[in-house]
N, C-alpha and C. Protein backbone atom coordinates (compact mmCIF):
# COMPACT_ATOMS: atom_id res chain seq x y z
N MET A 1 100.28 38.65 2.63
CA MET A 1 101.59 38.18 3.04
C MET A 1 101.52 37.87 4.53
N TYR A 2 102.25 36.83 4.94
CA TYR A 2 102.25 36.41 6.34
C TYR A 2 103.65 36.49 6.91
N CYS A 3 103.74 36.88 8.17
CA CYS A 3 105.02 37.01 8.86
C CYS A 3 105.65 35.63 9.00
N PRO A 4 106.95 35.49 8.65
CA PRO A 4 107.60 34.19 8.78
C PRO A 4 107.82 33.77 10.23
N ALA A 5 107.75 34.71 11.17
CA ALA A 5 108.00 34.39 12.58
C ALA A 5 106.73 33.95 13.30
N CYS A 6 105.65 34.67 13.10
CA CYS A 6 104.46 34.41 13.91
C CYS A 6 103.23 34.00 13.10
N GLY A 7 103.31 34.11 11.77
CA GLY A 7 102.20 33.72 10.93
C GLY A 7 101.08 34.74 10.82
N VAL A 8 101.23 35.90 11.45
CA VAL A 8 100.20 36.93 11.40
C VAL A 8 100.16 37.53 10.00
N ARG A 9 98.95 37.77 9.51
CA ARG A 9 98.79 38.40 8.21
C ARG A 9 99.28 39.83 8.28
N MET A 10 100.01 40.26 7.26
CA MET A 10 100.60 41.59 7.23
C MET A 10 100.21 42.29 5.94
N THR A 11 100.30 43.59 5.96
CA THR A 11 100.19 44.33 4.71
C THR A 11 101.59 44.55 4.19
N ALA A 12 101.73 44.55 2.91
CA ALA A 12 103.03 44.75 2.29
C ALA A 12 102.83 45.48 0.98
N LYS A 13 103.96 45.89 0.39
CA LYS A 13 103.87 46.53 -0.91
C LYS A 13 103.29 45.55 -1.91
N PRO A 14 102.50 46.02 -2.87
CA PRO A 14 101.98 45.14 -3.90
C PRO A 14 103.12 44.46 -4.65
N LEU A 15 102.87 43.26 -5.13
CA LEU A 15 103.91 42.50 -5.81
C LEU A 15 104.53 43.27 -6.97
N GLU A 16 103.75 44.07 -7.67
CA GLU A 16 104.33 44.81 -8.79
C GLU A 16 105.35 45.83 -8.32
N VAL A 17 105.18 46.38 -7.11
CA VAL A 17 106.18 47.31 -6.56
C VAL A 17 107.44 46.54 -6.20
N CYS A 18 107.28 45.37 -5.59
CA CYS A 18 108.45 44.54 -5.26
C CYS A 18 109.17 44.12 -6.53
N ALA A 19 108.42 43.74 -7.56
CA ALA A 19 109.04 43.33 -8.82
C ALA A 19 109.81 44.50 -9.43
N GLU A 20 109.28 45.72 -9.26
CA GLU A 20 109.97 46.90 -9.78
C GLU A 20 111.28 47.12 -9.03
N LEU A 21 111.28 46.90 -7.71
CA LEU A 21 112.49 47.07 -6.91
C LEU A 21 113.48 45.93 -7.12
N ASP A 22 112.97 44.71 -7.33
CA ASP A 22 113.80 43.52 -7.36
C ASP A 22 114.88 43.60 -8.43
N GLY A 23 116.11 43.48 -7.97
CA GLY A 23 117.22 43.41 -8.88
C GLY A 23 117.85 44.73 -9.27
N ARG A 24 117.28 45.85 -8.85
CA ARG A 24 117.96 47.11 -9.12
C ARG A 24 119.17 47.17 -8.22
N ARG A 25 120.27 47.57 -8.75
CA ARG A 25 121.49 47.56 -7.97
C ARG A 25 121.90 48.95 -7.51
N ASP A 26 122.56 48.97 -6.38
CA ASP A 26 123.23 50.16 -5.86
C ASP A 26 122.43 51.44 -6.02
N ARG A 27 121.58 51.69 -5.07
CA ARG A 27 120.64 52.80 -5.12
C ARG A 27 121.27 54.17 -4.95
N LEU A 28 122.58 54.25 -4.77
CA LEU A 28 123.20 55.55 -4.50
C LEU A 28 124.22 55.98 -5.54
N PRO A 29 123.96 55.83 -6.82
CA PRO A 29 124.98 56.24 -7.77
C PRO A 29 125.25 57.73 -7.64
N GLY A 30 126.44 58.06 -7.21
CA GLY A 30 126.80 59.46 -7.06
C GLY A 30 126.17 60.15 -5.86
N GLY A 31 125.46 59.42 -5.01
CA GLY A 31 124.81 60.02 -3.86
C GLY A 31 125.78 60.30 -2.74
N ARG A 32 125.25 60.87 -1.64
CA ARG A 32 126.09 61.12 -0.47
C ARG A 32 126.75 59.82 -0.06
N GLY A 33 128.02 59.86 0.23
CA GLY A 33 128.73 58.68 0.69
C GLY A 33 129.32 57.87 -0.45
N ALA A 34 129.02 58.20 -1.72
CA ALA A 34 129.53 57.43 -2.85
C ALA A 34 131.05 57.50 -2.93
N GLU A 35 131.63 58.59 -2.45
CA GLU A 35 133.08 58.76 -2.52
C GLU A 35 133.80 58.03 -1.38
N THR A 36 133.07 57.53 -0.39
CA THR A 36 133.66 56.87 0.76
C THR A 36 134.15 55.47 0.37
N GLU A 37 135.37 55.16 0.76
CA GLU A 37 135.92 53.83 0.50
C GLU A 37 135.17 52.81 1.36
N ARG A 38 134.69 51.77 0.74
CA ARG A 38 133.92 50.74 1.44
C ARG A 38 134.69 49.43 1.41
N LEU A 39 134.43 48.60 2.41
CA LEU A 39 135.07 47.29 2.53
C LEU A 39 134.39 46.27 1.61
N PRO A 40 135.06 45.15 1.32
CA PRO A 40 134.41 44.08 0.55
C PRO A 40 133.45 43.30 1.46
N PHE A 41 132.39 43.98 1.85
CA PHE A 41 131.49 43.52 2.91
C PHE A 41 130.07 43.89 2.51
N ILE A 42 129.25 42.87 2.26
CA ILE A 42 127.85 43.05 1.90
C ILE A 42 127.02 42.33 2.96
N VAL A 43 125.83 42.84 3.22
CA VAL A 43 124.94 42.23 4.21
C VAL A 43 123.62 41.87 3.54
N LEU A 44 123.21 40.62 3.70
CA LEU A 44 121.88 40.18 3.25
C LEU A 44 120.96 40.18 4.45
N VAL A 45 119.89 40.98 4.38
CA VAL A 45 118.93 41.11 5.47
C VAL A 45 117.69 40.30 5.08
N ASP A 46 117.52 39.14 5.73
CA ASP A 46 116.49 38.16 5.37
C ASP A 46 115.27 38.29 6.28
N ASN A 47 114.17 38.84 5.75
CA ASN A 47 112.88 38.88 6.47
C ASN A 47 112.91 39.60 7.81
N VAL A 48 113.60 40.73 7.89
CA VAL A 48 113.57 41.52 9.13
C VAL A 48 112.31 42.37 9.10
N ARG A 49 111.49 42.18 10.10
CA ARG A 49 110.14 42.74 10.14
C ARG A 49 110.09 44.20 10.59
N SER A 50 110.87 44.56 11.58
CA SER A 50 110.81 45.90 12.16
C SER A 50 111.56 46.92 11.31
N LEU A 51 110.85 47.96 10.90
CA LEU A 51 111.50 49.02 10.12
C LEU A 51 112.52 49.78 10.96
N TRP A 52 112.31 49.85 12.27
CA TRP A 52 113.28 50.50 13.16
C TRP A 52 114.57 49.68 13.19
N ASN A 53 114.46 48.36 13.20
CA ASN A 53 115.66 47.53 13.12
C ASN A 53 116.36 47.74 11.79
N VAL A 54 115.62 47.84 10.70
CA VAL A 54 116.22 48.08 9.39
C VAL A 54 116.98 49.40 9.41
N GLY A 55 116.40 50.43 10.00
CA GLY A 55 117.09 51.72 10.10
C GLY A 55 118.37 51.62 10.91
N ALA A 56 118.32 50.90 12.02
CA ALA A 56 119.52 50.73 12.85
C ALA A 56 120.59 49.95 12.09
N ILE A 57 120.18 48.99 11.29
CA ILE A 57 121.13 48.21 10.48
C ILE A 57 121.80 49.12 9.45
N PHE A 58 121.04 50.01 8.82
CA PHE A 58 121.64 50.98 7.89
C PHE A 58 122.69 51.83 8.60
N ARG A 59 122.35 52.31 9.78
CA ARG A 59 123.26 53.22 10.50
C ARG A 59 124.56 52.49 10.88
N THR A 60 124.44 51.27 11.37
CA THR A 60 125.64 50.50 11.72
C THR A 60 126.43 50.12 10.48
N ALA A 61 125.73 49.79 9.39
CA ALA A 61 126.40 49.45 8.13
C ALA A 61 127.28 50.61 7.67
N ASP A 62 126.77 51.82 7.78
CA ASP A 62 127.56 52.99 7.40
C ASP A 62 128.81 53.09 8.28
N ALA A 63 128.64 52.93 9.57
CA ALA A 63 129.76 53.04 10.51
C ALA A 63 130.83 51.99 10.28
N CYS A 64 130.43 50.83 9.76
CA CYS A 64 131.36 49.71 9.57
C CYS A 64 131.88 49.58 8.15
N GLY A 65 131.59 50.53 7.29
CA GLY A 65 132.13 50.50 5.93
C GLY A 65 131.52 49.44 5.03
N VAL A 66 130.29 49.03 5.33
CA VAL A 66 129.61 48.03 4.50
C VAL A 66 129.41 48.60 3.10
N ARG A 67 129.71 47.81 2.11
CA ARG A 67 129.58 48.24 0.71
C ARG A 67 128.12 48.35 0.29
N LYS A 68 127.30 47.37 0.72
CA LYS A 68 125.90 47.38 0.30
C LYS A 68 125.07 46.50 1.21
N LEU A 69 123.81 46.89 1.42
CA LEU A 69 122.81 46.06 2.06
C LEU A 69 121.91 45.48 0.98
N VAL A 70 121.64 44.19 1.08
CA VAL A 70 120.67 43.55 0.20
C VAL A 70 119.47 43.19 1.08
N LEU A 71 118.36 43.86 0.86
CA LEU A 71 117.15 43.66 1.64
C LEU A 71 116.31 42.61 0.92
N SER A 72 115.81 41.60 1.66
CA SER A 72 115.07 40.54 0.99
C SER A 72 113.83 40.13 1.78
N GLY A 73 112.94 39.40 1.08
CA GLY A 73 111.72 38.91 1.72
C GLY A 73 110.84 40.05 2.17
N ILE A 74 110.40 40.00 3.43
CA ILE A 74 109.50 41.02 3.96
C ILE A 74 110.23 42.25 4.49
N THR A 75 111.54 42.29 4.38
CA THR A 75 112.31 43.43 4.88
C THR A 75 111.87 44.70 4.16
N GLY A 76 111.56 45.73 4.95
CA GLY A 76 111.13 47.01 4.38
C GLY A 76 112.28 47.76 3.75
N CYS A 77 111.94 48.60 2.77
CA CYS A 77 112.92 49.38 2.03
C CYS A 77 112.67 50.87 2.22
N PRO A 78 113.74 51.68 2.17
CA PRO A 78 113.55 53.13 2.14
C PRO A 78 112.78 53.53 0.87
N PRO A 79 112.12 54.64 0.85
CA PRO A 79 111.99 55.59 1.96
C PRO A 79 110.82 55.24 2.86
N ARG A 80 111.06 55.17 4.12
CA ARG A 80 110.03 54.96 5.14
C ARG A 80 110.44 55.79 6.34
N PRO A 81 109.50 56.52 6.95
CA PRO A 81 109.87 57.36 8.10
C PRO A 81 110.43 56.55 9.27
N GLU A 82 109.94 55.33 9.45
CA GLU A 82 110.45 54.49 10.55
C GLU A 82 111.92 54.14 10.33
N ILE A 83 112.30 53.88 9.09
CA ILE A 83 113.71 53.58 8.78
C ILE A 83 114.55 54.84 8.99
N SER A 84 114.08 55.96 8.47
CA SER A 84 114.82 57.22 8.59
C SER A 84 115.03 57.63 10.04
N LYS A 85 114.05 57.34 10.90
CA LYS A 85 114.14 57.74 12.31
C LYS A 85 115.36 57.14 12.99
N THR A 86 115.66 55.87 12.72
CA THR A 86 116.81 55.24 13.36
C THR A 86 118.06 55.26 12.49
N ALA A 87 117.92 55.36 11.18
CA ALA A 87 119.08 55.41 10.28
C ALA A 87 119.79 56.76 10.34
N LEU A 88 119.04 57.82 10.67
CA LEU A 88 119.59 59.18 10.75
C LEU A 88 120.39 59.56 9.50
N GLY A 89 119.85 59.23 8.34
CA GLY A 89 120.49 59.60 7.07
C GLY A 89 121.34 58.52 6.45
N ALA A 90 121.64 57.45 7.19
CA ALA A 90 122.50 56.40 6.63
C ALA A 90 121.84 55.67 5.46
N GLU A 91 120.51 55.73 5.38
CA GLU A 91 119.83 55.11 4.23
C GLU A 91 120.15 55.87 2.94
N GLU A 92 120.76 57.05 3.09
CA GLU A 92 121.18 57.83 1.93
C GLU A 92 122.68 57.72 1.66
N THR A 93 123.41 57.04 2.54
CA THR A 93 124.86 56.92 2.37
C THR A 93 125.33 55.49 2.14
N VAL A 94 124.49 54.51 2.42
CA VAL A 94 124.83 53.11 2.20
C VAL A 94 124.04 52.60 1.00
N ALA A 95 124.73 52.06 0.02
CA ALA A 95 124.04 51.50 -1.14
C ALA A 95 123.18 50.33 -0.69
N TRP A 96 122.03 50.16 -1.34
CA TRP A 96 121.16 49.04 -0.99
C TRP A 96 120.46 48.55 -2.24
N ASP A 97 119.97 47.34 -2.11
CA ASP A 97 119.30 46.66 -3.20
C ASP A 97 118.17 45.85 -2.59
N TYR A 98 117.10 45.61 -3.31
CA TYR A 98 116.05 44.73 -2.84
C TYR A 98 115.99 43.51 -3.74
N ARG A 99 115.97 42.33 -3.13
CA ARG A 99 115.79 41.07 -3.84
C ARG A 99 114.71 40.29 -3.11
N ALA A 100 113.61 40.02 -3.77
CA ALA A 100 112.52 39.28 -3.13
C ALA A 100 112.99 37.91 -2.66
N ASP A 101 113.80 37.25 -3.48
CA ASP A 101 114.26 35.89 -3.19
C ASP A 101 115.69 35.92 -2.65
N PRO A 102 115.88 35.63 -1.35
CA PRO A 102 117.23 35.70 -0.78
C PRO A 102 118.19 34.66 -1.38
N LEU A 103 117.67 33.52 -1.81
CA LEU A 103 118.55 32.50 -2.40
C LEU A 103 119.10 32.99 -3.74
N ARG A 104 118.26 33.61 -4.51
CA ARG A 104 118.72 34.19 -5.78
C ARG A 104 119.75 35.28 -5.52
N ALA A 105 119.51 36.08 -4.49
CA ALA A 105 120.47 37.13 -4.13
C ALA A 105 121.82 36.53 -3.76
N LEU A 106 121.82 35.44 -2.99
CA LEU A 106 123.08 34.80 -2.62
C LEU A 106 123.82 34.27 -3.83
N ARG A 107 123.09 33.74 -4.82
CA ARG A 107 123.73 33.24 -6.04
C ARG A 107 124.40 34.39 -6.80
N VAL A 108 123.72 35.52 -6.89
CA VAL A 108 124.29 36.69 -7.58
C VAL A 108 125.54 37.16 -6.84
N LEU A 109 125.47 37.23 -5.52
CA LEU A 109 126.62 37.67 -4.73
C LEU A 109 127.78 36.70 -4.83
N ALA A 110 127.48 35.40 -4.86
CA ALA A 110 128.54 34.39 -5.03
C ALA A 110 129.23 34.56 -6.38
N ASP A 111 128.47 34.89 -7.41
CA ASP A 111 129.05 35.14 -8.73
C ASP A 111 130.00 36.33 -8.70
N ASP A 112 129.75 37.25 -7.78
CA ASP A 112 130.63 38.42 -7.61
C ASP A 112 131.77 38.17 -6.62
N GLY A 113 131.89 36.94 -6.13
CA GLY A 113 132.99 36.56 -5.25
C GLY A 113 132.72 36.67 -3.76
N TYR A 114 131.48 36.97 -3.38
CA TYR A 114 131.16 37.09 -1.96
C TYR A 114 130.76 35.74 -1.39
N ARG A 115 131.31 35.42 -0.21
CA ARG A 115 131.01 34.15 0.46
C ARG A 115 130.04 34.42 1.61
N PRO A 116 128.90 33.72 1.62
CA PRO A 116 127.90 33.99 2.66
C PRO A 116 128.27 33.38 4.01
N VAL A 117 128.06 34.18 5.05
CA VAL A 117 128.27 33.75 6.43
C VAL A 117 126.97 34.02 7.19
N ALA A 118 126.31 32.96 7.66
CA ALA A 118 125.06 33.11 8.42
C ALA A 118 125.38 33.47 9.86
N LEU A 119 124.80 34.54 10.36
CA LEU A 119 124.93 34.90 11.78
C LEU A 119 123.76 34.25 12.49
N GLU A 120 124.01 33.06 13.01
CA GLU A 120 122.93 32.23 13.56
C GLU A 120 123.53 31.19 14.49
N HIS A 121 122.80 30.84 15.56
CA HIS A 121 123.22 29.75 16.44
C HIS A 121 122.90 28.44 15.75
N THR A 122 123.93 27.74 15.27
CA THR A 122 123.75 26.42 14.68
C THR A 122 124.81 25.50 15.25
N SER A 123 124.66 24.22 14.99
CA SER A 123 125.63 23.25 15.53
C SER A 123 127.01 23.41 14.90
N ARG A 124 127.08 24.03 13.75
CA ARG A 124 128.39 24.19 13.10
C ARG A 124 128.91 25.63 13.14
N ALA A 125 128.29 26.48 13.94
CA ALA A 125 128.70 27.88 14.02
C ALA A 125 129.97 28.04 14.84
N ALA A 126 130.85 28.91 14.34
CA ALA A 126 132.07 29.28 15.07
C ALA A 126 131.86 30.65 15.69
N GLY A 127 132.56 30.92 16.76
CA GLY A 127 132.50 32.24 17.38
C GLY A 127 133.07 33.30 16.43
N LEU A 128 132.67 34.53 16.61
CA LEU A 128 133.12 35.62 15.74
C LEU A 128 134.63 35.72 15.67
N ASP A 129 135.31 35.47 16.80
CA ASP A 129 136.77 35.56 16.84
C ASP A 129 137.46 34.29 16.34
N GLU A 130 136.70 33.21 16.22
CA GLU A 130 137.28 31.92 15.81
C GLU A 130 137.12 31.65 14.31
N LEU A 131 136.19 32.32 13.69
CA LEU A 131 135.89 32.07 12.28
C LEU A 131 137.01 32.60 11.39
N ASP A 132 137.36 31.82 10.37
CA ASP A 132 138.32 32.26 9.36
C ASP A 132 137.50 33.02 8.30
N TRP A 133 137.43 34.34 8.45
CA TRP A 133 136.57 35.18 7.61
C TRP A 133 137.09 35.21 6.18
N PRO A 134 136.21 35.07 5.20
CA PRO A 134 136.64 35.12 3.80
C PRO A 134 137.10 36.51 3.39
N GLU A 135 137.73 36.60 2.23
CA GLU A 135 138.22 37.88 1.71
C GLU A 135 137.08 38.84 1.37
N GLN A 136 135.97 38.30 0.87
CA GLN A 136 134.79 39.09 0.55
C GLN A 136 133.62 38.46 1.30
N VAL A 137 133.06 39.20 2.25
CA VAL A 137 132.06 38.66 3.17
C VAL A 137 130.66 39.13 2.78
N CYS A 138 129.74 38.16 2.76
CA CYS A 138 128.31 38.48 2.73
C CYS A 138 127.73 37.97 4.04
N LEU A 139 127.54 38.86 5.00
CA LEU A 139 126.98 38.48 6.29
C LEU A 139 125.47 38.40 6.15
N VAL A 140 124.90 37.28 6.55
CA VAL A 140 123.45 37.06 6.44
C VAL A 140 122.83 37.15 7.82
N ILE A 141 121.84 38.04 7.95
CA ILE A 141 121.12 38.18 9.22
C ILE A 141 119.64 37.96 8.95
N GLY A 142 118.90 37.53 10.00
CA GLY A 142 117.52 37.12 9.76
C GLY A 142 116.49 37.71 10.70
N ASN A 143 115.30 37.17 10.57
CA ASN A 143 114.12 37.63 11.28
C ASN A 143 114.33 37.69 12.78
N GLU A 144 113.67 38.66 13.42
CA GLU A 144 113.82 38.92 14.84
C GLU A 144 113.44 37.74 15.72
N VAL A 145 112.48 36.94 15.30
CA VAL A 145 112.02 35.80 16.11
C VAL A 145 112.48 34.48 15.51
N ALA A 146 112.24 34.29 14.22
CA ALA A 146 112.51 33.01 13.57
C ALA A 146 113.95 32.84 13.13
N GLY A 147 114.73 33.93 13.08
CA GLY A 147 116.10 33.85 12.61
C GLY A 147 116.14 33.76 11.09
N ILE A 148 117.25 33.30 10.59
CA ILE A 148 117.43 33.14 9.15
C ILE A 148 116.62 31.93 8.70
N SER A 149 115.93 32.05 7.58
CA SER A 149 115.10 30.94 7.10
C SER A 149 115.98 29.72 6.79
N PRO A 150 115.49 28.51 7.08
CA PRO A 150 116.29 27.29 6.88
C PRO A 150 116.92 27.14 5.50
N PRO A 151 116.22 27.42 4.40
CA PRO A 151 116.89 27.28 3.10
C PRO A 151 118.08 28.23 2.94
N VAL A 152 117.97 29.42 3.54
CA VAL A 152 119.07 30.38 3.45
C VAL A 152 120.24 29.92 4.31
N ILE A 153 119.96 29.39 5.50
CA ILE A 153 121.03 28.85 6.34
C ILE A 153 121.78 27.76 5.60
N GLU A 154 121.04 26.87 4.93
CA GLU A 154 121.66 25.77 4.18
C GLU A 154 122.53 26.29 3.04
N ALA A 155 122.20 27.44 2.49
CA ALA A 155 122.97 28.01 1.39
C ALA A 155 124.27 28.66 1.86
N CYS A 156 124.44 28.79 3.17
CA CYS A 156 125.64 29.40 3.75
C CYS A 156 126.55 28.30 4.27
N ASP A 157 127.75 28.19 3.71
CA ASP A 157 128.66 27.15 4.20
C ASP A 157 129.39 27.56 5.47
N LEU A 158 129.40 28.84 5.79
CA LEU A 158 129.99 29.31 7.04
C LEU A 158 128.90 29.86 7.94
N HIS A 159 129.01 29.56 9.24
CA HIS A 159 128.06 30.06 10.24
C HIS A 159 128.86 30.68 11.38
N ALA A 160 128.40 31.83 11.85
CA ALA A 160 129.04 32.51 12.97
C ALA A 160 128.02 32.73 14.08
N THR A 161 128.50 32.73 15.30
CA THR A 161 127.62 32.93 16.45
C THR A 161 128.24 33.89 17.45
N ILE A 162 127.39 34.52 18.24
CA ILE A 162 127.82 35.39 19.32
C ILE A 162 127.56 34.63 20.62
N PRO A 163 128.60 34.37 21.41
CA PRO A 163 128.39 33.64 22.66
C PRO A 163 127.45 34.41 23.59
N MET A 164 126.52 33.69 24.20
CA MET A 164 125.56 34.28 25.12
C MET A 164 125.90 33.80 26.53
N LEU A 165 126.05 34.73 27.46
CA LEU A 165 126.46 34.39 28.82
C LEU A 165 125.31 34.41 29.82
N GLY A 166 124.16 34.94 29.40
CA GLY A 166 123.02 35.06 30.29
C GLY A 166 121.99 33.97 30.03
N VAL A 167 120.76 34.25 30.38
CA VAL A 167 119.66 33.30 30.24
C VAL A 167 119.11 33.30 28.82
N LYS A 168 119.02 34.46 28.19
CA LYS A 168 118.47 34.57 26.84
C LYS A 168 119.41 33.96 25.82
N GLU A 169 118.83 33.46 24.74
CA GLU A 169 119.61 32.76 23.73
C GLU A 169 119.96 33.61 22.52
N SER A 170 119.48 34.86 22.48
CA SER A 170 119.77 35.69 21.33
C SER A 170 119.69 37.17 21.69
N LEU A 171 120.17 37.99 20.77
CA LEU A 171 120.13 39.44 20.89
C LEU A 171 119.17 40.00 19.85
N ASN A 172 118.77 41.25 20.02
CA ASN A 172 118.02 41.95 18.98
C ASN A 172 118.84 41.89 17.70
N VAL A 173 118.18 41.73 16.55
CA VAL A 173 118.89 41.56 15.28
C VAL A 173 119.82 42.73 14.97
N SER A 174 119.41 43.95 15.27
CA SER A 174 120.29 45.08 14.96
C SER A 174 121.49 45.13 15.90
N VAL A 175 121.30 44.70 17.14
CA VAL A 175 122.42 44.65 18.10
C VAL A 175 123.40 43.55 17.69
N ALA A 176 122.87 42.37 17.37
CA ALA A 176 123.73 41.25 16.93
C ALA A 176 124.50 41.65 15.67
N PHE A 177 123.80 42.30 14.74
CA PHE A 177 124.47 42.75 13.53
C PHE A 177 125.61 43.71 13.87
N GLY A 178 125.37 44.63 14.80
CA GLY A 178 126.41 45.59 15.17
C GLY A 178 127.66 44.92 15.71
N ILE A 179 127.47 43.94 16.57
CA ILE A 179 128.61 43.21 17.14
C ILE A 179 129.38 42.50 16.04
N ALA A 180 128.66 41.77 15.20
CA ALA A 180 129.30 41.01 14.12
C ALA A 180 129.93 41.94 13.09
N ALA A 181 129.25 43.02 12.74
CA ALA A 181 129.75 43.94 11.71
C ALA A 181 131.07 44.56 12.13
N TYR A 182 131.20 44.92 13.39
CA TYR A 182 132.47 45.49 13.84
C TYR A 182 133.59 44.46 13.80
N ARG A 183 133.28 43.20 14.06
CA ARG A 183 134.30 42.15 13.95
C ARG A 183 134.73 41.98 12.50
N VAL A 184 133.75 41.89 11.59
CA VAL A 184 134.07 41.73 10.17
C VAL A 184 134.87 42.94 9.68
N ALA A 185 134.45 44.14 10.03
CA ALA A 185 135.14 45.35 9.60
C ALA A 185 136.58 45.37 10.12
N SER A 186 136.78 44.93 11.35
CA SER A 186 138.12 44.89 11.92
C SER A 186 139.02 43.94 11.14
N VAL A 187 138.51 42.76 10.83
CA VAL A 187 139.29 41.77 10.07
C VAL A 187 139.60 42.29 8.67
N LEU A 188 138.58 42.78 7.96
CA LEU A 188 138.77 43.22 6.58
C LEU A 188 139.64 44.46 6.48
N SER A 189 139.47 45.41 7.39
CA SER A 189 140.30 46.62 7.33
C SER A 189 141.74 46.30 7.72
N GLY A 190 141.93 45.32 8.61
CA GLY A 190 143.29 44.87 8.95
C GLY A 190 144.00 44.28 7.76
N ARG A 191 143.27 43.53 6.94
CA ARG A 191 143.85 42.94 5.72
C ARG A 191 144.22 44.02 4.72
N ASN A 192 143.38 45.06 4.65
CA ASN A 192 143.64 46.14 3.68
C ASN A 192 144.88 46.94 4.07
N ARG A 193 145.19 47.01 5.37
CA ARG A 193 146.38 47.73 5.82
C ARG A 193 147.65 46.93 5.63
N ALA A 194 147.52 45.59 5.59
CA ALA A 194 148.70 44.72 5.51
C ALA A 194 149.32 44.73 4.13
């Protein structure tokens, strides 16, 4: 397997292990956190290489009431010590699923009423505060260097961006996710109170 960002050859789980994981839903039936009310908010994690970033995404997802993480492509899955180190147990409280093919995952989520929103700098991206967020959000985040893969971006009719005021054009994926996740959670929880 090769990294989508830099092309370096990587080791990964054998395909039969990925096939075994692919499509299993909601890894926490009755687990810790199952009784917690979650928002209509799912996150598709597309080809995130760093297991520490994956752990941080789990931890923020728990804090923001995310219903489920869908890990795809080369994104690592629990149990891994690197994920646990930054997740601090959130990998046991947030439901997750692995889908090898992110496009297939988006189709399944769309069938469940979730509308994908790509968190990416594109010509049609709206700011987090300007976007008209759907009732059921599937926030799509991507690789640390390459971003969301082009076919996945094309599958998202909504794009959101975080304005950058400095020299750099992007944030660490887990930091960007945290900023966007709190915005989505604020919008969705506000609707639930109304």
